[in-house]
Amino acid sequence: MSELNHSRFCLFVSYFLKYCLFVCNLLFTALGLVVLGLGMWGLITKESFAQEKIGSIGTDPMLILVSLGLVLTTLCLSGCVGAIRENYCLLKLFSTMVLVLVTAQILAAILAYSLQDQVGNYLRSGMLAAMARYQDDLDLRFITDEIQSNLQCCGADNYHDWEINIYYNCSAPGVLACGVPATCCVDPLENGTVWNSQCGVGAQQLDEFTAQSVIFLGGCLGGISRWIEQHEGLIGTVSIVVMGCLIWSNSKKEQGEREIVVKL
């Protein structure tokens, strides 16, 4: 009788884990489809597939969402179907992809730590490129504005970096010449209520003592470094939890594979 109860308990645990993993993978599959849909919607809305723009699609930020959505959907869908159908090939595919992701996370962390200078140069180049295309790409403009307003910074290294933009360049003929975007301003709201998009006009012509009351002087690369230092504990905890979940999920899938092999 005890052996029968033990078998029933093991069967219950097996089914519980099976459907628990199925539901989790189903939710993440839905999330992956949403991310993929947002990325495709962004590309279509901006007409990135048009003949005159197809050459620069590789630098479109929306491509990151598309890639992330594809990877997440493929990974979780294989785990979802493999769990519910007890399909050995799909479970093996899921386990392999999870192992690759865990390995990639570890390698990325090691490389980021050992190549800090190169990573900094890459971020600087990327931000300067985004600043140069500030008026031409709405995605890059949104990202740049969010970084500057949330980190209270201006430019990559300092506010003079906006000289790289043809509209904010001091030789430009327009009203924006020698200025910076409103997200660089210490107080972009006029009278505390109305957004003043012209608050950064002529800021590059000011000396630092005068400019500090109008705009943020520090660059965003320093702001990003300070943010990481302030939140490194949280970042480490989240990374460990994510890796732990991936490893746990992989171990459960391998257990499911062994059970299928036994049945066969």
Protein backbone atom coordinates (compact mmCIF):
# COMPACT_ATOMS: atom_id res chain seq x y z
CA MET A 1 0.00 0.00 0.00
CA SER A 2 2.84 2.35 0.86
CA GLU A 3 4.46 1.65 -2.50
CA LEU A 4 1.18 2.49 -4.23
CA ASN A 5 0.90 5.78 -2.34
CA HIS A 6 4.50 6.56 -3.15
CA SER A 7 3.88 5.90 -6.85
CA ARG A 8 0.78 8.10 -6.80
CA PHE A 9 2.72 10.87 -5.08
CA CYS A 10 5.54 10.68 -7.63
CA LEU A 11 2.98 10.73 -10.44
CA PHE A 12 1.31 13.79 -8.91
CA VAL A 13 4.64 15.62 -8.58
CA SER A 14 5.54 14.70 -12.16
CA TYR A 15 2.26 16.07 -13.52
CA PHE A 16 2.50 19.17 -11.34
CA LEU A 17 5.99 20.01 -12.61
CA LYS A 18 4.96 19.22 -16.15
CA TYR A 19 2.01 21.62 -16.19
CA CYS A 20 3.80 24.22 -14.09
CA LEU A 21 6.61 24.40 -16.65
CA PHE A 22 4.05 24.36 -19.45
CA VAL A 23 2.21 27.39 -18.03
CA CYS A 24 5.46 29.30 -17.37
CA ASN A 25 6.72 28.67 -20.88
CA LEU A 26 3.31 29.58 -22.31
CA LEU A 27 3.37 32.95 -20.54
CA PHE A 28 6.89 33.71 -21.76
CA THR A 29 5.92 32.60 -25.27
CA ALA A 30 3.12 35.17 -25.19
CA LEU A 31 5.59 37.78 -23.94
CA GLY A 32 7.98 36.90 -26.75
CA LEU A 33 5.21 37.30 -29.33
CA VAL A 34 4.32 40.72 -27.87
CA VAL A 35 7.95 41.86 -28.05
CA LEU A 36 8.26 40.50 -31.60
CA GLY A 37 5.02 42.23 -32.60
CA LEU A 38 6.18 45.57 -31.17
CA GLY A 39 9.47 45.30 -33.05
CA MET A 40 7.77 44.48 -36.35
CA TRP A 41 5.20 47.23 -35.79
CA GLY A 42 8.01 49.73 -35.25
CA LEU A 43 9.83 48.65 -38.42
CA ILE A 44 6.66 48.77 -40.52
CA THR A 45 5.54 52.12 -39.08
CA LYS A 46 8.88 53.71 -39.93
CA GLU A 47 8.83 52.04 -43.37
CA SER A 48 12.21 50.47 -42.63
CA PHE A 49 11.61 47.84 -45.33
CA ALA A 50 11.34 50.52 -48.03
CA GLN A 51 13.98 50.24 -50.74
CA GLU A 52 15.68 53.51 -49.80
CA LYS A 53 15.89 52.52 -46.10
CA ILE A 54 16.58 48.79 -46.28
CA GLY A 55 20.34 49.40 -46.28
CA SER A 56 20.28 50.94 -42.79
CA ILE A 57 17.86 48.47 -41.22
CA GLY A 58 20.75 46.75 -39.44
CA THR A 59 21.22 49.79 -37.18
CA ASP A 60 17.52 50.19 -36.36
CA PRO A 61 16.86 49.80 -32.58
CA MET A 62 13.59 48.01 -33.39
CA LEU A 63 15.71 45.13 -34.70
CA ILE A 64 16.75 44.44 -31.11
CA LEU A 65 13.11 43.88 -30.15
CA VAL A 66 12.57 41.63 -33.17
CA SER A 67 15.64 39.52 -32.35
CA LEU A 68 14.75 39.30 -28.66
CA GLY A 69 11.16 38.36 -29.49
CA LEU A 70 12.26 35.63 -31.92
CA VAL A 71 14.71 34.09 -29.45
CA LEU A 72 12.25 34.24 -26.54
CA THR A 73 9.37 32.83 -28.60
CA THR A 74 11.42 30.00 -30.10
CA LEU A 75 12.95 29.04 -26.77
CA CYS A 76 9.75 29.08 -24.72
CA LEU A 77 7.57 27.56 -27.44
CA SER A 78 9.88 24.56 -27.70
CA GLY A 79 9.76 24.16 -23.92
CA CYS A 80 5.99 24.63 -23.89
CA VAL A 81 5.20 22.05 -26.58
CA GLY A 82 7.94 19.72 -25.38
CA ALA A 83 6.56 19.72 -21.84
CA ILE A 84 2.91 19.08 -22.73
CA ARG A 85 3.63 16.52 -25.50
CA GLU A 86 6.67 15.02 -23.75
CA ASN A 87 8.57 15.37 -27.01
CA TYR A 88 12.20 14.35 -26.57
CA CYS A 89 13.56 16.40 -29.49
CA LEU A 90 11.88 19.63 -28.38
CA LEU A 91 12.97 19.09 -24.79
CA LYS A 92 16.52 18.54 -26.00
CA LEU A 93 16.34 21.73 -28.09
CA PHE A 94 15.05 23.66 -25.07
CA SER A 95 17.79 22.31 -22.80
CA THR A 96 20.49 23.16 -25.33
CA MET A 97 19.22 26.72 -25.82
CA VAL A 98 18.96 27.29 -22.07
CA LEU A 99 22.53 26.03 -21.63
CA VAL A 100 23.69 28.40 -24.39
CA LEU A 101 21.92 31.35 -22.72
CA VAL A 102 23.44 30.60 -19.32
CA THR A 103 26.90 30.28 -20.87
CA ALA A 104 26.38 33.52 -22.82
CA GLN A 105 25.36 35.37 -19.64
CA ILE A 106 28.47 34.21 -17.81
CA LEU A 107 30.77 35.07 -20.74
CA ALA A 108 29.10 38.48 -21.18
CA ALA A 109 29.64 39.32 -17.51
CA ILE A 110 33.31 38.25 -17.69
CA LEU A 111 33.94 40.18 -20.92
CA ALA A 112 32.17 43.30 -19.66
CA TYR A 113 34.34 43.30 -16.55
CA SER A 114 37.64 42.55 -18.30
CA LEU A 115 37.04 44.88 -21.26
CA GLN A 116 35.68 47.90 -19.42
CA ASP A 117 37.63 50.41 -21.54
CA GLN A 118 36.49 48.86 -24.82
CA VAL A 119 32.89 48.72 -23.60
CA GLY A 120 33.13 52.39 -22.62
CA ASN A 121 34.46 53.31 -26.07
CA TYR A 122 31.68 51.30 -27.72
CA LEU A 123 29.03 53.07 -25.63
CA ARG A 124 30.60 56.44 -26.44
CA SER A 125 30.57 55.71 -30.18
CA GLY A 126 27.00 54.46 -29.99
CA MET A 127 25.75 57.49 -28.12
CA LEU A 128 27.55 59.94 -30.40
CA ALA A 129 26.00 58.17 -33.40
CA ALA A 130 22.56 58.44 -31.78
CA MET A 131 23.13 62.15 -31.09
CA ALA A 132 24.15 62.74 -34.71
CA ARG A 133 20.83 61.18 -35.89
CA TYR A 134 18.76 62.79 -33.12
CA GLN A 135 16.28 64.55 -35.44
CA ASP A 136 16.23 61.81 -38.08
CA ASP A 137 15.36 58.73 -36.00
CA LEU A 138 12.48 58.88 -33.52
CA ASP A 139 13.66 55.73 -31.70
CA LEU A 140 17.16 57.09 -31.11
CA ARG A 141 15.68 60.42 -30.08
CA PHE A 142 13.42 58.74 -27.53
CA ILE A 143 16.28 56.66 -26.10
CA THR A 144 18.61 59.67 -25.89
CA ASP A 145 15.96 61.83 -24.22
CA GLU A 146 15.16 59.12 -21.66
CA ILE A 147 18.83 58.65 -20.78
CA GLN A 148 19.49 62.39 -20.43
CA SER A 149 16.36 63.18 -18.41
CA ASN A 150 16.58 60.17 -16.07
CA LEU A 151 20.34 60.36 -15.46
CA GLN A 152 20.36 64.17 -15.50
CA CYS A 153 23.19 64.37 -18.01
CA CYS A 154 23.93 65.95 -21.36
CA GLY A 155 25.92 64.44 -24.22
CA ALA A 156 28.32 61.52 -24.01
CA ASP A 157 31.15 63.19 -22.06
CA ASN A 158 29.75 66.73 -21.72
CA TYR A 159 27.25 69.11 -23.30
CA HIS A 160 29.70 70.21 -26.00
CA ASP A 161 29.27 66.77 -27.62
CA TRP A 162 26.07 68.07 -29.21
CA GLU A 163 28.31 69.90 -31.67
CA ILE A 164 28.26 66.59 -33.59
CA ASN A 165 24.62 67.14 -34.56
CA ILE A 166 24.16 69.22 -37.72
CA TYR A 167 21.25 71.14 -36.19
CA TYR A 168 22.98 71.88 -32.86
CA ASN A 169 26.35 72.57 -34.49
CA CYS A 170 27.44 76.17 -33.93
CA SER A 171 27.83 76.65 -37.68
CA ALA A 172 24.20 75.66 -38.34
CA PRO A 173 21.91 78.41 -39.68
CA GLY A 174 18.81 77.56 -37.59
CA VAL A 175 17.63 78.62 -34.14
CA LEU A 176 19.00 75.38 -32.64
CA ALA A 177 22.60 76.32 -33.50
CA CYS A 178 24.99 76.00 -30.54
CA GLY A 179 22.17 74.63 -28.41
CA VAL A 180 21.25 71.33 -26.74
CA PRO A 181 17.96 69.39 -26.47
CA ALA A 182 15.46 70.36 -23.79
CA THR A 183 16.15 67.11 -21.91
CA CYS A 184 19.58 68.56 -21.04
CA CYS A 185 17.93 71.44 -19.17
CA VAL A 186 17.89 71.58 -15.38
CA ASP A 187 14.34 72.95 -15.50
CA PRO A 188 12.72 72.32 -18.91
CA LEU A 189 9.31 73.46 -17.65
CA GLU A 190 8.41 77.11 -18.08
CA ASN A 191 6.54 78.40 -15.00
CA GLY A 192 6.58 74.81 -13.75
CA THR A 193 3.87 73.63 -16.15
CA VAL A 194 4.66 74.27 -19.84
CA TRP A 195 7.40 72.28 -21.62
CA ASN A 196 9.98 74.74 -22.95
CA SER A 197 11.62 73.07 -25.95
CA GLN A 198 13.89 76.11 -26.44
CA CYS A 199 15.44 76.09 -22.96
CA GLY A 200 18.74 74.74 -24.30
CA VAL A 201 19.17 77.26 -27.12
CA GLY A 202 22.69 78.75 -27.16
CA ALA A 203 23.84 76.61 -24.20
CA GLN A 204 27.10 75.58 -25.90
CA GLN A 205 28.20 79.22 -26.00
CA LEU A 206 27.97 79.51 -22.21
CA ASP A 207 30.93 78.91 -19.91
CA GLU A 208 30.54 76.10 -17.39
CA PHE A 209 29.83 78.41 -14.44
CA THR A 210 26.93 80.07 -16.26
CA ALA A 211 25.74 76.88 -17.98
CA GLN A 212 25.40 74.87 -14.74
CA SER A 213 22.28 76.80 -13.78
CA VAL A 214 20.68 76.10 -17.17
CA ILE A 215 21.73 72.59 -18.25
CA PHE A 216 23.36 69.46 -16.85
CA LEU A 217 27.11 69.66 -17.39
CA GLY A 218 28.03 66.01 -16.87
CA GLY A 219 28.04 63.45 -19.67
CA CYS A 220 25.79 60.40 -19.76
CA LEU A 221 28.66 57.88 -19.83
CA GLY A 222 29.63 59.01 -16.34
CA GLY A 223 25.95 58.92 -15.36
CA ILE A 224 25.62 55.33 -16.57
CA SER A 225 28.75 54.32 -14.61
CA ARG A 226 27.40 55.93 -11.44
CA TRP A 227 24.01 54.26 -11.93
CA ILE A 228 25.65 50.83 -12.30
CA GLU A 229 27.78 51.41 -9.17
CA GLN A 230 24.69 52.44 -7.18
CA HIS A 231 22.65 49.45 -8.35
CA GLU A 232 25.35 46.78 -8.75
CA GLY A 233 23.89 44.78 -5.85
CA LEU A 234 20.44 44.70 -7.46
CA ILE A 235 21.90 43.90 -10.89
CA GLY A 236 23.91 41.02 -9.43
CA THR A 237 20.89 39.65 -7.55
CA VAL A 238 18.66 39.76 -10.63
CA SER A 239 21.35 38.09 -12.75
CA ILE A 240 21.79 35.29 -10.21
CA VAL A 241 18.02 34.76 -9.95
CA VAL A 242 17.62 34.63 -13.76
CA MET A 243 20.53 32.22 -14.14
CA GLY A 244 19.17 30.11 -11.28
CA CYS A 245 15.75 29.91 -12.93
CA LEU A 246 17.30 28.92 -16.25
CA ILE A 247 19.45 26.22 -14.64
CA TRP A 248 16.48 24.94 -12.59
CA SER A 249 14.27 24.83 -15.68
CA ASN A 250 16.99 23.03 -17.61
CA SER A 251 17.39 20.41 -14.87
CA LYS A 252 13.64 19.77 -14.85
CA LYS A 253 13.61 19.38 -18.61
CA GLU A 254 16.47 16.88 -18.41
CA GLN A 255 14.49 14.99 -15.78
CA GLY A 256 11.54 14.95 -18.18
CA GLU A 257 13.80 13.65 -20.94
CA ARG A 258 14.96 10.77 -18.75
CA GLU A 259 11.36 9.87 -17.92
CA ILE A 260 10.47 9.80 -21.63
CA VAL A 261 13.47 7.58 -22.38
CA VAL A 262 12.39 5.19 -19.61
CA LYS A 263 8.86 5.05 -21.07
CA LEU A 264 10.26 4.29 -24.51
